[in-house]
């Protein structure tokens, strides 16, 4: 998740979104194996923050992509190209 935050701060939002989603996968794996309730709560809280940020970035990226497609007359822009 640290790498996702770092890329988010750099403005690499599409890459950061992907890293947040990958972090969710790893947090989910850790949650399955964790026995301590306090640690489970910590993992769940991190997962929630991670999911919220990934969803926020995804919505923003889709909006930017749609605007660029309208501006460019329907030509395809990819999420990889998006950097604000």
PDB file of N, CA and C in Angstrom:
ATOM      1  N   UNK A   1       0.823  -1.187   0.000  1.00  0.00           N
ATOM      2  CA  UNK A   1       0.000   0.000   0.000  1.00  0.00           C
ATOM      3  C   UNK A   1       0.867   1.250   0.000  1.00  0.00           C
ATOM      4  N   UNK A   2       2.059   1.154   0.568  1.00  0.00           N
ATOM      5  CA  UNK A   2       2.944   2.321   0.586  1.00  0.00           C
ATOM      6  C   UNK A   2       3.301   2.771  -0.824  1.00  0.00           C
ATOM      7  N   UNK A   3       3.530   1.829  -1.708  1.00  0.00           N
ATOM      8  CA  UNK A   3       3.853   2.161  -3.098  1.00  0.00           C
ATOM      9  C   UNK A   3       2.654   2.839  -3.766  1.00  0.00           C
ATOM     10  N   UNK A   4       1.448   2.376  -3.455  1.00  0.00           N
ATOM     11  CA  UNK A   4       0.239   2.984  -4.010  1.00  0.00           C
ATOM     12  C   UNK A   4       0.129   4.440  -3.560  1.00  0.00           C
ATOM     13  N   UNK A   5       0.383   4.684  -2.304  1.00  0.00           N
ATOM     14  CA  UNK A   5       0.323   6.050  -1.768  1.00  0.00           C
ATOM     15  C   UNK A   5       1.391   6.922  -2.421  1.00  0.00           C
ATOM     16  N   UNK A   6       2.573   6.362  -2.592  1.00  0.00           N
ATOM     17  CA  UNK A   6       3.667   7.102  -3.226  1.00  0.00           C
ATOM     18  C   UNK A   6       3.306   7.491  -4.667  1.00  0.00           C
ATOM     19  N   UNK A   7       2.779   6.554  -5.429  1.00  0.00           N
ATOM     20  CA  UNK A   7       2.397   6.844  -6.815  1.00  0.00           C
ATOM     21  C   UNK A   7       1.218   7.812  -6.870  1.00  0.00           C
ATOM     22  N   UNK A   8       0.316   7.694  -5.904  1.00  0.00           N
ATOM     23  CA  UNK A   8      -0.818   8.615  -5.807  1.00  0.00           C
ATOM     24  C   UNK A   8      -0.308  10.040  -5.623  1.00  0.00           C
ATOM     25  N   UNK A   9       0.647  10.209  -4.741  1.00  0.00           N
ATOM     26  CA  UNK A   9       1.218  11.538  -4.479  1.00  0.00           C
ATOM     27  C   UNK A   9       1.981  12.089  -5.676  1.00  0.00           C
ATOM     28  N   UNK A  10       2.574  11.198  -6.468  1.00  0.00           N
ATOM     29  CA  UNK A  10       3.312  11.623  -7.660  1.00  0.00           C
ATOM     30  C   UNK A  10       2.384  12.027  -8.802  1.00  0.00           C
ATOM     31  N   UNK A  11       1.109  11.652  -8.675  1.00  0.00           N
ATOM     32  CA  UNK A  11       0.160  11.979  -9.734  1.00  0.00           C
ATOM     33  C   UNK A  11      -0.042  10.864 -10.737  1.00  0.00           C
ATOM     34  N   UNK A  12       0.520   9.696 -10.466  1.00  0.00           N
ATOM     35  CA  UNK A  12       0.342   8.529 -11.331  1.00  0.00           C
ATOM     36  C   UNK A  12      -0.923   7.790 -10.886  1.00  0.00           C
ATOM     37  N   UNK A  13      -2.076   8.395 -11.145  1.00  0.00           N
ATOM     38  CA  UNK A  13      -3.321   7.915 -10.563  1.00  0.00           C
ATOM     39  C   UNK A  13      -3.768   6.560 -11.089  1.00  0.00           C
ATOM     40  N   UNK A  14      -3.591   6.301 -12.367  1.00  0.00           N
ATOM     41  CA  UNK A  14      -3.994   5.000 -12.912  1.00  0.00           C
ATOM     42  C   UNK A  14      -3.151   3.891 -12.301  1.00  0.00           C
ATOM     43  N   UNK A  15      -1.855   4.119 -12.202  1.00  0.00           N
ATOM     44  CA  UNK A  15      -0.959   3.122 -11.611  1.00  0.00           C
ATOM     45  C   UNK A  15      -1.267   2.959 -10.125  1.00  0.00           C
ATOM     46  N   UNK A  16      -1.516   4.074  -9.440  1.00  0.00           N
ATOM     47  CA  UNK A  16      -1.836   4.021  -8.011  1.00  0.00           C
ATOM     48  C   UNK A  16      -3.120   3.230  -7.777  1.00  0.00           C
ATOM     49  N   UNK A  17      -4.120   3.437  -8.627  1.00  0.00           N
ATOM     50  CA  UNK A  17      -5.377   2.710  -8.500  1.00  0.00           C
ATOM     51  C   UNK A  17      -5.136   1.214  -8.594  1.00  0.00           C
ATOM     52  N   UNK A  18      -4.318   0.806  -9.555  1.00  0.00           N
ATOM     53  CA  UNK A  18      -3.974  -0.594  -9.713  1.00  0.00           C
ATOM     54  C   UNK A  18      -3.261  -1.126  -8.469  1.00  0.00           C
ATOM     55  N   UNK A  19      -2.360  -0.344  -7.915  1.00  0.00           N
ATOM     56  CA  UNK A  19      -1.636  -0.770  -6.715  1.00  0.00           C
ATOM     57  C   UNK A  19      -2.555  -0.861  -5.497  1.00  0.00           C
ATOM     58  N   UNK A  20      -3.506   0.061  -5.388  1.00  0.00           N
ATOM     59  CA  UNK A  20      -4.473  -0.029  -4.289  1.00  0.00           C
ATOM     60  C   UNK A  20      -5.282  -1.325  -4.393  1.00  0.00           C
ATOM     61  N   UNK A  21      -5.701  -1.662  -5.604  1.00  0.00           N
ATOM     62  CA  UNK A  21      -6.467  -2.893  -5.790  1.00  0.00           C
ATOM     63  C   UNK A  21      -5.628  -4.116  -5.476  1.00  0.00           C
ATOM     64  N   UNK A  22      -4.364  -4.082  -5.846  1.00  0.00           N
ATOM     65  CA  UNK A  22      -3.465  -5.191  -5.523  1.00  0.00           C
ATOM     66  C   UNK A  22      -3.280  -5.303  -4.007  1.00  0.00           C
ATOM     67  N   UNK A  23      -3.190  -4.163  -3.341  1.00  0.00           N
ATOM     68  CA  UNK A  23      -3.056  -4.157  -1.883  1.00  0.00           C
ATOM     69  C   UNK A  23      -4.268  -4.803  -1.218  1.00  0.00           C
ATOM     70  N   UNK A  24      -5.445  -4.528  -1.781  1.00  0.00           N
ATOM     71  CA  UNK A  24      -6.660  -5.142  -1.241  1.00  0.00           C
ATOM     72  C   UNK A  24      -6.573  -6.665  -1.276  1.00  0.00           C
ATOM     73  N   UNK A  25      -6.042  -7.196  -2.358  1.00  0.00           N
ATOM     74  CA  UNK A  25      -5.884  -8.645  -2.481  1.00  0.00           C
ATOM     75  C   UNK A  25      -4.999  -9.174  -1.353  1.00  0.00           C
ATOM     76  N   UNK A  26      -3.860  -8.520  -1.125  1.00  0.00           N
ATOM     77  CA  UNK A  26      -2.936  -8.980  -0.092  1.00  0.00           C
ATOM     78  C   UNK A  26      -3.513  -8.799   1.313  1.00  0.00           C
ATOM     79  N   UNK A  27      -4.211  -7.703   1.538  1.00  0.00           N
ATOM     80  CA  UNK A  27      -4.858  -7.513   2.837  1.00  0.00           C
ATOM     81  C   UNK A  27      -5.899  -8.614   3.077  1.00  0.00           C
ATOM     82  N   UNK A  28      -6.624  -8.959   2.040  1.00  0.00           N
ATOM     83  CA  UNK A  28      -7.635 -10.004   2.163  1.00  0.00           C
ATOM     84  C   UNK A  28      -6.991 -11.341   2.531  1.00  0.00           C
ATOM     85  N   UNK A  29      -5.863 -11.644   1.921  1.00  0.00           N
ATOM     86  CA  UNK A  29      -5.142 -12.878   2.249  1.00  0.00           C
ATOM     87  C   UNK A  29      -4.676 -12.856   3.699  1.00  0.00           C
ATOM     88  N   UNK A  30      -4.162 -11.719   4.137  1.00  0.00           N
ATOM     89  CA  UNK A  30      -3.698 -11.591   5.520  1.00  0.00           C
ATOM     90  C   UNK A  30      -4.861 -11.721   6.504  1.00  0.00           C
ATOM     91  N   UNK A  31      -6.004 -11.168   6.127  1.00  0.00           N
ATOM     92  CA  UNK A  31      -7.177 -11.227   6.995  1.00  0.00           C
ATOM     93  C   UNK A  31      -7.633 -12.668   7.202  1.00  0.00           C
ATOM     94  N   UNK A  32      -7.549 -13.478   6.160  1.00  0.00           N
ATOM     95  CA  UNK A  32      -7.959 -14.882   6.266  1.00  0.00           C
ATOM     96  C   UNK A  32      -7.093 -15.652   7.255  1.00  0.00           C
ATOM     97  N   UNK A  33      -5.804 -15.305   7.307  1.00  0.00           N
ATOM     98  CA  UNK A  33      -4.860 -16.036   8.152  1.00  0.00           C
ATOM     99  C   UNK A  33      -4.756 -15.490   9.569  1.00  0.00           C
ATOM    100  N   UNK A  34      -5.237 -14.288   9.784  1.00  0.00           N
ATOM    101  CA  UNK A  34      -5.061 -13.627  11.083  1.00  0.00           C
ATOM    102  C   UNK A  34      -6.018 -14.181  12.138  1.00  0.00           C
ATOM    103  N   UNK A  35      -5.474 -14.421  13.317  1.00  0.00           N
ATOM    104  CA  UNK A  35      -6.275 -14.939  14.441  1.00  0.00           C
ATOM    105  C   UNK A  35      -6.620 -13.850  15.462  1.00  0.00           C
ATOM    106  N   UNK A  36      -5.734 -12.877  15.597  1.00  0.00           N
ATOM    107  CA  UNK A  36      -5.898 -11.811  16.592  1.00  0.00           C
ATOM    108  C   UNK A  36      -6.979 -10.831  16.125  1.00  0.00           C
ATOM    109  N   UNK A  37      -8.011 -10.642  16.962  1.00  0.00           N
ATOM    110  CA  UNK A  37      -9.132  -9.764  16.601  1.00  0.00           C
ATOM    111  C   UNK A  37      -8.713  -8.307  16.412  1.00  0.00           C
ATOM    112  N   UNK A  38      -7.775  -7.863  17.231  1.00  0.00           N
ATOM    113  CA  UNK A  38      -7.323  -6.479  17.112  1.00  0.00           C
ATOM    114  C   UNK A  38      -6.601  -6.257  15.781  1.00  0.00           C
ATOM    115  N   UNK A  39      -5.785  -7.202  15.384  1.00  0.00           N
ATOM    116  CA  UNK A  39      -5.100  -7.094  14.095  1.00  0.00           C
ATOM    117  C   UNK A  39      -6.090  -7.200  12.944  1.00  0.00           C
ATOM    118  N   UNK A  40      -7.103  -8.034  13.094  1.00  0.00           N
ATOM    119  CA  UNK A  40      -8.133  -8.146  12.064  1.00  0.00           C
ATOM    120  C   UNK A  40      -8.820  -6.799  11.859  1.00  0.00           C
ATOM    121  N   UNK A  41      -9.129  -6.124  12.953  1.00  0.00           N
ATOM    122  CA  UNK A  41      -9.767  -4.813  12.861  1.00  0.00           C
ATOM    123  C   UNK A  41      -8.860  -3.813  12.155  1.00  0.00           C
ATOM    124  N   UNK A  42      -7.558  -3.860  12.460  1.00  0.00           N
ATOM    125  CA  UNK A  42      -6.612  -2.962  11.810  1.00  0.00           C
ATOM    126  C   UNK A  42      -6.570  -3.237  10.303  1.00  0.00           C
ATOM    127  N   UNK A  43      -6.492  -4.516   9.931  1.00  0.00           N
ATOM    128  CA  UNK A  43      -6.456  -4.890   8.518  1.00  0.00           C
ATOM    129  C   UNK A  43      -7.736  -4.443   7.823  1.00  0.00           C
ATOM    130  N   UNK A  44      -8.874  -4.661   8.465  1.00  0.00           N
ATOM    131  CA  UNK A  44     -10.153  -4.248   7.871  1.00  0.00           C
ATOM    132  C   UNK A  44     -10.221  -2.736   7.677  1.00  0.00           C
ATOM    133  N   UNK A  45      -9.702  -1.974   8.628  1.00  0.00           N
ATOM    134  CA  UNK A  45      -9.722  -0.514   8.493  1.00  0.00           C
ATOM    135  C   UNK A  45      -8.820  -0.073   7.343  1.00  0.00           C
ATOM    136  N   UNK A  46      -7.676  -0.703   7.191  1.00  0.00           N
ATOM    137  CA  UNK A  46      -6.781  -0.391   6.070  1.00  0.00           C
ATOM    138  C   UNK A  46      -7.425  -0.773   4.741  1.00  0.00           C
ATOM    139  N   UNK A  47      -8.102  -1.911   4.730  1.00  0.00           N
ATOM    140  CA  UNK A  47      -8.784  -2.350   3.519  1.00  0.00           C
ATOM    141  C   UNK A  47      -9.859  -1.346   3.110  1.00  0.00           C
ATOM    142  N   UNK A  48     -10.583  -0.845   4.094  1.00  0.00           N
ATOM    143  CA  UNK A  48     -11.646   0.119   3.803  1.00  0.00           C
ATOM    144  C   UNK A  48     -11.069   1.391   3.187  1.00  0.00           C
ATOM    145  N   UNK A  49      -9.984   1.908   3.768  1.00  0.00           N
ATOM    146  CA  UNK A  49      -9.341   3.110   3.238  1.00  0.00           C
ATOM    147  C   UNK A  49      -8.819   2.870   1.827  1.00  0.00           C
ATOM    148  N   UNK A  50      -8.223   1.717   1.650  1.00  0.00           N
ATOM    149  CA  UNK A  50      -7.661   1.345   0.358  1.00  0.00           C
ATOM    150  C   UNK A  50      -8.760   1.242  -0.701  1.00  0.00           C
ATOM    151  N   UNK A  51      -9.847   0.607  -0.352  1.00  0.00           N
ATOM    152  CA  UNK A  51     -10.962   0.436  -1.280  1.00  0.00           C
ATOM    153  C   UNK A  51     -11.597   1.780  -1.625  1.00  0.00           C
ATOM    154  N   UNK A  52     -11.792   2.620  -0.629  1.00  0.00           N
ATOM    155  CA  UNK A  52     -12.393   3.932  -0.872  1.00  0.00           C
ATOM    156  C   UNK A  52     -11.536   4.760  -1.815  1.00  0.00           C
ATOM    157  N   UNK A  53     -10.218   4.749  -1.608  1.00  0.00           N
ATOM    158  CA  UNK A  53      -9.337   5.540  -2.472  1.00  0.00           C
ATOM    159  C   UNK A  53      -9.307   4.960  -3.885  1.00  0.00           C
ATOM    160  N   UNK A  54      -9.268   3.647  -4.009  1.00  0.00           N
ATOM    161  CA  UNK A  54      -9.277   3.018  -5.332  1.00  0.00           C
ATOM    162  C   UNK A  54     -10.562   3.375  -6.081  1.00  0.00           C
ATOM    163  N   UNK A  55     -11.689   3.342  -5.397  1.00  0.00           N
ATOM    164  CA  UNK A  55     -12.961   3.689  -6.035  1.00  0.00           C
ATOM    165  C   UNK A  55     -12.984   5.162  -6.439  1.00  0.00           C
ATOM    166  N   UNK A  56     -12.473   6.010  -5.582  1.00  0.00           N
ATOM    167  CA  UNK A  56     -12.424   7.443  -5.880  1.00  0.00           C
ATOM    168  C   UNK A  56     -11.553   7.698  -7.111  1.00  0.00           C
ATOM    169  N   UNK A  57     -10.395   7.075  -7.158  1.00  0.00           N
ATOM    170  CA  UNK A  57      -9.515   7.238  -8.312  1.00  0.00           C
ATOM    171  C   UNK A  57     -10.149   6.691  -9.578  1.00  0.00           C
ATOM    172  N   UNK A  58     -10.796   5.547  -9.468  1.00  0.00           N
ATOM    173  CA  UNK A  58     -11.426   4.944 -10.641  1.00  0.00           C
ATOM    174  C   UNK A  58     -12.516   5.854 -11.205  1.00  0.00           C
ATOM    175  N   UNK A  59     -13.344   6.424 -10.329  1.00  0.00           N
ATOM    176  CA  UNK A  59     -14.383   7.351 -10.790  1.00  0.00           C
ATOM    177  C   UNK A  59     -13.763   8.560 -11.488  1.00  0.00           C
ATOM    178  N   UNK A  60     -12.740   9.120 -10.868  1.00  0.00           N
ATOM    179  CA  UNK A  60     -12.085  10.294 -11.448  1.00  0.00           C
ATOM    180  C   UNK A  60     -11.438   9.968 -12.783  1.00  0.00           C
ATOM    181  N   UNK A  61     -10.783   8.820 -12.873  1.00  0.00           N
ATOM    182  CA  UNK A  61     -10.140   8.418 -14.117  1.00  0.00           C
ATOM    183  C   UNK A  61     -11.161   8.199 -15.221  1.00  0.00           C
ATOM    184  N   UNK A  62     -12.289   7.606 -14.874  1.00  0.00           N
ATOM    185  CA  UNK A  62     -13.341   7.406 -15.875  1.00  0.00           C
ATOM    186  C   UNK A  62     -13.875   8.742 -16.386  1.00  0.00           C
ATOM    187  N   UNK A  63     -14.062   9.691 -15.480  1.00  0.00           N
ATOM    188  CA  UNK A  63     -14.556  11.009 -15.883  1.00  0.00           C
ATOM    189  C   UNK A  63     -13.565  11.696 -16.824  1.00  0.00           C
ATOM    190  N   UNK A  64     -12.287  11.639 -16.491  1.00  0.00           N
ATOM    191  CA  UNK A  64     -11.267  12.247 -17.336  1.00  0.00           C
ATOM    192  C   UNK A  64     -11.225  11.548 -18.686  1.00  0.00           C
ATOM    193  N   UNK A  65     -11.300  10.248 -18.688  1.00  0.00           N
ATOM    194  CA  UNK A  65     -11.289   9.474 -19.929  1.00  0.00           C
ATOM    195  C   UNK A  65     -12.476   9.834 -20.811  1.00  0.00           C
ATOM    196  N   UNK A  66     -13.650   9.944 -20.222  1.00  0.00           N
ATOM    197  CA  UNK A  66     -14.846  10.308 -20.989  1.00  0.00           C
ATOM    198  C   UNK A  66     -14.724  11.715 -21.565  1.00  0.00           C
ATOM    199  N   UNK A  67     -14.199  12.646 -20.774  1.00  0.00           N
ATOM    200  CA  UNK A  67     -14.010  14.013 -21.273  1.00  0.00           C
ATOM    201  C   UNK A  67     -13.029  14.038 -22.439  1.00  0.00           C
ATOM    202  N   UNK A  68     -11.942  13.294 -22.314  1.00  0.00           N
ATOM    203  CA  UNK A  68     -10.946  13.260 -23.392  1.00  0.00           C
ATOM    204  C   UNK A  68     -11.519  12.619 -24.648  1.00  0.00           C
ATOM    205  N   UNK A  69     -12.318  11.595 -24.473  1.00  0.00           N
ATOM    206  CA  UNK A  69     -12.913  10.943 -25.646  1.00  0.00           C
ATOM    207  C   UNK A  69     -13.885  11.887 -26.349  1.00  0.00           C
ATOM    208  N   UNK A  70     -14.674  12.631 -25.577  1.00  0.00           N
ATOM    209  CA  UNK A  70     -15.591  13.606 -26.179  1.00  0.00           C
ATOM    210  C   UNK A  70     -14.799  14.716 -26.873  1.00  0.00           C
ATOM    211  N   UNK A  71     -13.771  15.185 -26.229  1.00  0.00           N
ATOM    212  CA  UNK A  71     -12.948  16.261 -26.787  1.00  0.00           C
ATOM    213  C   UNK A  71     -12.243  15.817 -28.067  1.00  0.00           C
ATOM    214  N   UNK A  72     -11.795  14.579 -28.088  1.00  0.00           N
ATOM    215  CA  UNK A  72     -11.033  14.072 -29.242  1.00  0.00           C
ATOM    216  C   UNK A  72     -11.925  13.425 -30.294  1.00  0.00           C
ATOM    217  N   UNK A  73     -13.209  13.662 -30.224  1.00  0.00           N
ATOM    218  CA  UNK A  73     -14.117  13.142 -31.229  1.00  0.00           C
ATOM    219  C   UNK A  73     -14.308  11.636 -31.182  1.00  0.00           C
ATOM    220  N   UNK A  74     -14.225  11.062 -29.986  1.00  0.00           N
ATOM    221  CA  UNK A  74     -14.487   9.633 -29.847  1.00  0.00           C
ATOM    222  C   UNK A  74     -13.266   8.752 -29.996  1.00  0.00           C
ATOM    223  N   UNK A  75     -12.099   9.348 -30.266  1.00  0.00           N
ATOM    224  CA  UNK A  75     -10.895   8.517 -30.322  1.00  0.00           C
ATOM    225  C   UNK A  75     -10.640   7.921 -28.950  1.00  0.00           C
ATOM    226  N   UNK A  76     -10.046   6.768 -28.949  1.00  0.00           N
ATOM    227  CA  UNK A  76      -9.834   6.068 -27.682  1.00  0.00           C
ATOM    228  C   UNK A  76      -8.608   6.588 -26.969  1.00  0.00           C
ATOM    229  N   UNK A  77      -8.806   6.953 -25.736  1.00  0.00           N
ATOM    230  CA  UNK A  77      -7.698   7.245 -24.832  1.00  0.00           C
ATOM    231  C   UNK A  77      -7.679   6.105 -23.829  1.00  0.00           C
ATOM    232  N   UNK A  78      -6.535   5.778 -23.356  1.00  0.00           N
ATOM    233  CA  UNK A  78      -6.450   4.678 -22.398  1.00  0.00           C
ATOM    234  C   UNK A  78      -6.182   5.223 -21.013  1.00  0.00           C
ATOM    235  N   UNK A  79      -6.485   4.433 -20.033  1.00  0.00           N
ATOM    236  CA  UNK A  79      -6.226   4.846 -18.651  1.00  0.00           C
ATOM    237  C   UNK A  79      -4.744   5.034 -18.401  1.00  0.00           C
ATOM    238  N   UNK A  80      -3.906   4.329 -19.140  1.00  0.00           N
ATOM    239  CA  UNK A  80      -2.464   4.467 -18.968  1.00  0.00           C
ATOM    240  C   UNK A  80      -2.018   5.869 -19.344  1.00  0.00           C
ATOM    241  N   UNK A  81      -2.698   6.504 -20.302  1.00  0.00           N
ATOM    242  CA  UNK A  81      -2.333   7.831 -20.757  1.00  0.00           C
ATOM    243  C   UNK A  81      -2.719   8.914 -19.744  1.00  0.00           C
ATOM    244  N   UNK A  82      -3.611   8.584 -18.847  1.00  0.00           N
ATOM    245  CA  UNK A  82      -4.166   9.596 -17.962  1.00  0.00           C
ATOM    246  C   UNK A  82      -3.194   9.960 -16.864  1.00  0.00           C
ATOM    247  N   UNK A  83      -2.828  11.200 -16.861  1.00  0.00           N
ATOM    248  CA  UNK A  83      -2.003  11.740 -15.784  1.00  0.00           C
ATOM    249  C   UNK A  83      -2.381  13.198 -15.672  1.00  0.00           C
ATOM    250  N   UNK A  84      -2.921  13.578 -14.546  1.00  0.00           N
ATOM    251  CA  UNK A  84      -3.441  14.934 -14.401  1.00  0.00           C
ATOM    252  C   UNK A  84      -2.351  15.933 -14.269  1.00  0.00           C
TER     253      UNK A  84
END
